[in-house]
Amino acid sequence: MSLSCRPGCAACCTAPSISSAIPGMPQGKPAGVPCVQLDEQLQCKIFGQAERPAVCGQLQASLEMCGPQDDGGLFARSYLMRLETLTRPD
């Protein structure tokens, strides 16, 4: 089930690591670190632009990832950090 992103969450822009370059983060982004492209409202400043990493556009909000209620992104961050741990290369 697809969802719209929840205001003030930003779990997708904080929890996962990103290996490709991001404007302002040329080496990518480590897991658990907020992206420098998040603004004060926790919105992506490069959303819809070519500079936005492809992986960001491929990650879509879902009930499985985001959880059943709006909890400020706690469920989603926990879910994404768990995936990060499970998929980390040895």
N, C-alpha and C. Protein backbone atom coordinates (compact mmCIF):
# COMPACT_ATOMS: atom_id res chain seq x y z
N MET A 1 0.84 -1.19 0.00
CA MET A 1 0.00 0.00 0.00
C MET A 1 0.88 1.24 0.00
N SER A 2 0.70 2.11 -0.95
CA SER A 2 1.48 3.33 -1.06
C SER A 2 0.85 4.44 -0.21
N LEU A 3 1.70 5.25 0.40
CA LEU A 3 1.27 6.38 1.22
C LEU A 3 1.91 7.66 0.70
N SER A 4 1.38 8.77 1.14
CA SER A 4 2.05 10.04 0.93
C SER A 4 3.01 10.24 2.09
N CYS A 5 4.08 10.95 1.86
CA CYS A 5 5.01 11.24 2.94
C CYS A 5 4.30 12.05 4.01
N ARG A 6 4.65 11.76 5.26
CA ARG A 6 4.04 12.43 6.40
C ARG A 6 4.86 13.66 6.78
N PRO A 7 4.20 14.79 6.98
CA PRO A 7 4.94 16.01 7.34
C PRO A 7 5.78 15.81 8.61
N GLY A 8 7.00 16.35 8.58
CA GLY A 8 7.86 16.32 9.74
C GLY A 8 8.54 14.98 10.00
N CYS A 9 8.47 14.04 9.09
CA CYS A 9 9.05 12.71 9.29
C CYS A 9 10.53 12.71 8.92
N ALA A 10 10.84 12.83 7.67
CA ALA A 10 12.21 12.86 7.13
C ALA A 10 13.02 11.60 7.42
N ALA A 11 12.37 10.50 7.77
CA ALA A 11 13.10 9.26 8.05
C ALA A 11 13.89 8.81 6.83
N CYS A 12 13.33 8.95 5.65
CA CYS A 12 14.01 8.53 4.41
C CYS A 12 15.25 9.37 4.13
N CYS A 13 15.30 10.57 4.69
CA CYS A 13 16.42 11.48 4.46
C CYS A 13 17.42 11.44 5.61
N THR A 14 17.17 10.58 6.59
CA THR A 14 18.04 10.49 7.75
C THR A 14 18.56 9.08 7.96
N ALA A 15 17.68 8.09 8.00
CA ALA A 15 18.06 6.72 8.39
C ALA A 15 18.97 6.01 7.39
N PRO A 16 18.64 5.95 6.11
CA PRO A 16 19.47 5.13 5.21
C PRO A 16 20.78 5.81 4.81
N SER A 17 21.76 4.97 4.52
CA SER A 17 22.99 5.49 3.92
C SER A 17 22.73 5.71 2.44
N ILE A 18 23.45 6.65 1.86
CA ILE A 18 23.35 6.93 0.42
C ILE A 18 24.77 6.95 -0.10
N SER A 19 25.07 6.06 -1.04
CA SER A 19 26.45 5.94 -1.52
C SER A 19 26.77 6.90 -2.66
N SER A 20 25.77 7.45 -3.31
CA SER A 20 26.03 8.39 -4.41
C SER A 20 26.15 9.81 -3.87
N ALA A 21 26.78 10.66 -4.67
CA ALA A 21 26.99 12.05 -4.27
C ALA A 21 25.66 12.80 -4.16
N ILE A 22 25.61 13.68 -3.20
CA ILE A 22 24.47 14.58 -2.97
C ILE A 22 25.08 15.98 -2.94
N PRO A 23 24.44 16.99 -3.55
CA PRO A 23 25.00 18.34 -3.43
C PRO A 23 25.23 18.69 -1.95
N GLY A 24 26.47 19.02 -1.64
CA GLY A 24 26.84 19.32 -0.26
C GLY A 24 27.36 18.12 0.51
N MET A 25 27.22 16.94 -0.06
CA MET A 25 27.73 15.69 0.53
C MET A 25 28.32 14.85 -0.61
N PRO A 26 29.48 15.26 -1.13
CA PRO A 26 30.02 14.60 -2.32
C PRO A 26 30.37 13.12 -2.13
N GLN A 27 30.58 12.68 -0.91
CA GLN A 27 30.88 11.27 -0.64
C GLN A 27 29.63 10.47 -0.29
N GLY A 28 28.47 11.07 -0.41
CA GLY A 28 27.23 10.41 -0.01
C GLY A 28 26.92 10.71 1.45
N LYS A 29 26.07 9.89 2.05
CA LYS A 29 25.58 10.14 3.39
C LYS A 29 25.59 8.86 4.21
N PRO A 30 26.18 8.89 5.41
CA PRO A 30 26.13 7.70 6.27
C PRO A 30 24.73 7.50 6.87
N ALA A 31 24.44 6.28 7.23
CA ALA A 31 23.17 5.97 7.89
C ALA A 31 23.04 6.75 9.19
N GLY A 32 21.85 7.25 9.44
CA GLY A 32 21.56 7.96 10.68
C GLY A 32 21.90 9.44 10.67
N VAL A 33 22.49 9.92 9.60
CA VAL A 33 22.88 11.32 9.48
C VAL A 33 21.87 12.03 8.59
N PRO A 34 21.30 13.15 9.05
CA PRO A 34 20.36 13.88 8.19
C PRO A 34 21.05 14.42 6.94
N CYS A 35 20.38 14.35 5.83
CA CYS A 35 20.89 14.91 4.57
C CYS A 35 20.98 16.43 4.68
N VAL A 36 22.03 17.00 4.11
CA VAL A 36 22.19 18.46 4.14
C VAL A 36 21.13 19.16 3.28
N GLN A 37 20.43 18.40 2.45
CA GLN A 37 19.40 18.99 1.60
C GLN A 37 18.04 19.09 2.28
N LEU A 38 17.95 18.71 3.55
CA LEU A 38 16.69 18.90 4.29
C LEU A 38 16.59 20.36 4.73
N ASP A 39 15.43 20.96 4.52
CA ASP A 39 15.23 22.33 4.98
C ASP A 39 14.65 22.35 6.40
N GLU A 40 14.32 23.52 6.90
CA GLU A 40 13.81 23.66 8.26
C GLU A 40 12.48 22.93 8.48
N GLN A 41 11.72 22.72 7.43
CA GLN A 41 10.44 22.01 7.51
C GLN A 41 10.62 20.51 7.25
N LEU A 42 11.87 20.05 7.19
CA LEU A 42 12.21 18.66 6.90
C LEU A 42 11.71 18.21 5.54
N GLN A 43 11.83 19.11 4.57
CA GLN A 43 11.49 18.83 3.18
C GLN A 43 12.78 18.85 2.36
N CYS A 44 12.80 18.05 1.30
CA CYS A 44 13.98 17.97 0.45
C CYS A 44 14.07 19.20 -0.45
N LYS A 45 15.21 19.89 -0.38
CA LYS A 45 15.42 21.09 -1.19
C LYS A 45 15.67 20.77 -2.66
N ILE A 46 16.02 19.51 -2.97
CA ILE A 46 16.31 19.14 -4.36
C ILE A 46 15.30 18.12 -4.90
N PHE A 47 14.17 18.01 -4.24
CA PHE A 47 13.12 17.08 -4.69
C PHE A 47 12.75 17.41 -6.13
N GLY A 48 12.71 16.38 -6.98
CA GLY A 48 12.33 16.56 -8.38
C GLY A 48 13.43 17.10 -9.27
N GLN A 49 14.61 17.34 -8.73
CA GLN A 49 15.72 17.87 -9.53
C GLN A 49 16.69 16.75 -9.90
N ALA A 50 17.43 16.96 -10.96
CA ALA A 50 18.36 15.95 -11.46
C ALA A 50 19.46 15.62 -10.45
N GLU A 51 19.81 16.56 -9.58
CA GLU A 51 20.88 16.33 -8.60
C GLU A 51 20.45 15.38 -7.48
N ARG A 52 19.17 15.15 -7.34
CA ARG A 52 18.68 14.26 -6.29
C ARG A 52 19.08 12.82 -6.64
N PRO A 53 19.71 12.11 -5.69
CA PRO A 53 20.12 10.73 -5.98
C PRO A 53 18.93 9.86 -6.40
N ALA A 54 19.16 8.98 -7.35
CA ALA A 54 18.10 8.09 -7.85
C ALA A 54 17.50 7.25 -6.73
N VAL A 55 18.34 6.81 -5.80
CA VAL A 55 17.84 5.98 -4.70
C VAL A 55 16.78 6.71 -3.88
N CYS A 56 16.90 8.01 -3.77
CA CYS A 56 15.90 8.79 -3.02
C CYS A 56 14.53 8.73 -3.70
N GLY A 57 14.53 8.84 -5.01
CA GLY A 57 13.27 8.78 -5.75
C GLY A 57 12.66 7.39 -5.79
N GLN A 58 13.49 6.38 -5.60
CA GLN A 58 13.00 5.00 -5.65
C GLN A 58 12.38 4.55 -4.33
N LEU A 59 12.75 5.19 -3.23
CA LEU A 59 12.21 4.82 -1.93
C LEU A 59 10.86 5.49 -1.75
N GLN A 60 9.81 4.70 -1.71
CA GLN A 60 8.44 5.22 -1.63
C GLN A 60 7.83 4.90 -0.27
N ALA A 61 7.11 5.85 0.28
CA ALA A 61 6.41 5.64 1.56
C ALA A 61 5.42 4.49 1.41
N SER A 62 5.36 3.64 2.45
CA SER A 62 4.40 2.53 2.47
C SER A 62 3.99 2.28 3.91
N LEU A 63 2.85 1.63 4.09
CA LEU A 63 2.39 1.31 5.43
C LEU A 63 3.40 0.42 6.15
N GLU A 64 3.99 -0.53 5.43
CA GLU A 64 4.98 -1.42 6.03
C GLU A 64 6.18 -0.64 6.58
N MET A 65 6.64 0.35 5.84
CA MET A 65 7.81 1.12 6.25
C MET A 65 7.46 2.22 7.25
N CYS A 66 6.36 2.90 7.04
CA CYS A 66 6.05 4.09 7.82
C CYS A 66 5.23 3.81 9.08
N GLY A 67 4.56 2.67 9.12
CA GLY A 67 3.75 2.35 10.29
C GLY A 67 2.33 2.86 10.16
N PRO A 68 1.49 2.45 11.08
CA PRO A 68 0.06 2.74 10.97
C PRO A 68 -0.36 4.15 11.38
N GLN A 69 0.47 4.87 12.13
CA GLN A 69 0.07 6.22 12.55
C GLN A 69 1.23 7.17 12.42
N ASP A 70 0.91 8.45 12.56
CA ASP A 70 1.96 9.47 12.49
C ASP A 70 2.61 9.59 13.86
N ASP A 71 3.86 9.17 13.95
CA ASP A 71 4.60 9.21 15.22
C ASP A 71 5.87 10.05 15.08
N GLY A 72 5.85 10.99 14.13
CA GLY A 72 7.02 11.82 13.92
C GLY A 72 8.17 11.09 13.23
N GLY A 73 7.87 9.95 12.61
CA GLY A 73 8.87 9.21 11.87
C GLY A 73 9.65 8.19 12.68
N LEU A 74 9.29 7.97 13.95
CA LEU A 74 10.02 7.02 14.80
C LEU A 74 9.96 5.60 14.24
N PHE A 75 8.77 5.15 13.85
CA PHE A 75 8.62 3.81 13.30
C PHE A 75 9.44 3.67 12.02
N ALA A 76 9.31 4.66 11.13
CA ALA A 76 10.01 4.60 9.83
C ALA A 76 11.52 4.62 10.02
N ARG A 77 12.04 5.46 10.92
CA ARG A 77 13.49 5.48 11.16
C ARG A 77 13.98 4.15 11.69
N SER A 78 13.22 3.56 12.62
CA SER A 78 13.58 2.26 13.17
C SER A 78 13.58 1.19 12.09
N TYR A 79 12.55 1.18 11.25
CA TYR A 79 12.42 0.21 10.16
C TYR A 79 13.60 0.34 9.19
N LEU A 80 13.89 1.58 8.79
CA LEU A 80 14.96 1.81 7.81
C LEU A 80 16.34 1.51 8.40
N MET A 81 16.55 1.81 9.67
CA MET A 81 17.83 1.48 10.30
C MET A 81 18.01 -0.03 10.41
N ARG A 82 16.91 -0.74 10.66
CA ARG A 82 16.97 -2.21 10.70
C ARG A 82 17.34 -2.75 9.32
N LEU A 83 16.74 -2.22 8.27
CA LEU A 83 17.11 -2.64 6.90
C LEU A 83 18.57 -2.32 6.62
N GLU A 84 19.01 -1.17 7.07
CA GLU A 84 20.41 -0.76 6.88
C GLU A 84 21.34 -1.80 7.51
N THR A 85 21.02 -2.24 8.71
CA THR A 85 21.84 -3.23 9.41
C THR A 85 21.81 -4.57 8.70
N LEU A 86 20.63 -4.99 8.26
CA LEU A 86 20.48 -6.30 7.60
C LEU A 86 21.17 -6.36 6.24
N THR A 87 21.32 -5.24 5.58
CA THR A 87 21.88 -5.22 4.22
C THR A 87 23.31 -4.70 4.17
N ARG A 88 23.89 -4.40 5.31
CA ARG A 88 25.27 -3.89 5.36
C ARG A 88 26.23 -4.97 4.87
N PRO A 89 27.16 -4.61 3.97
CA PRO A 89 28.15 -5.60 3.53
C PRO A 89 29.03 -6.01 4.71
N ASP A 90 29.48 -7.26 4.68
CA ASP A 90 30.35 -7.75 5.77
C ASP A 90 31.70 -7.11 5.77
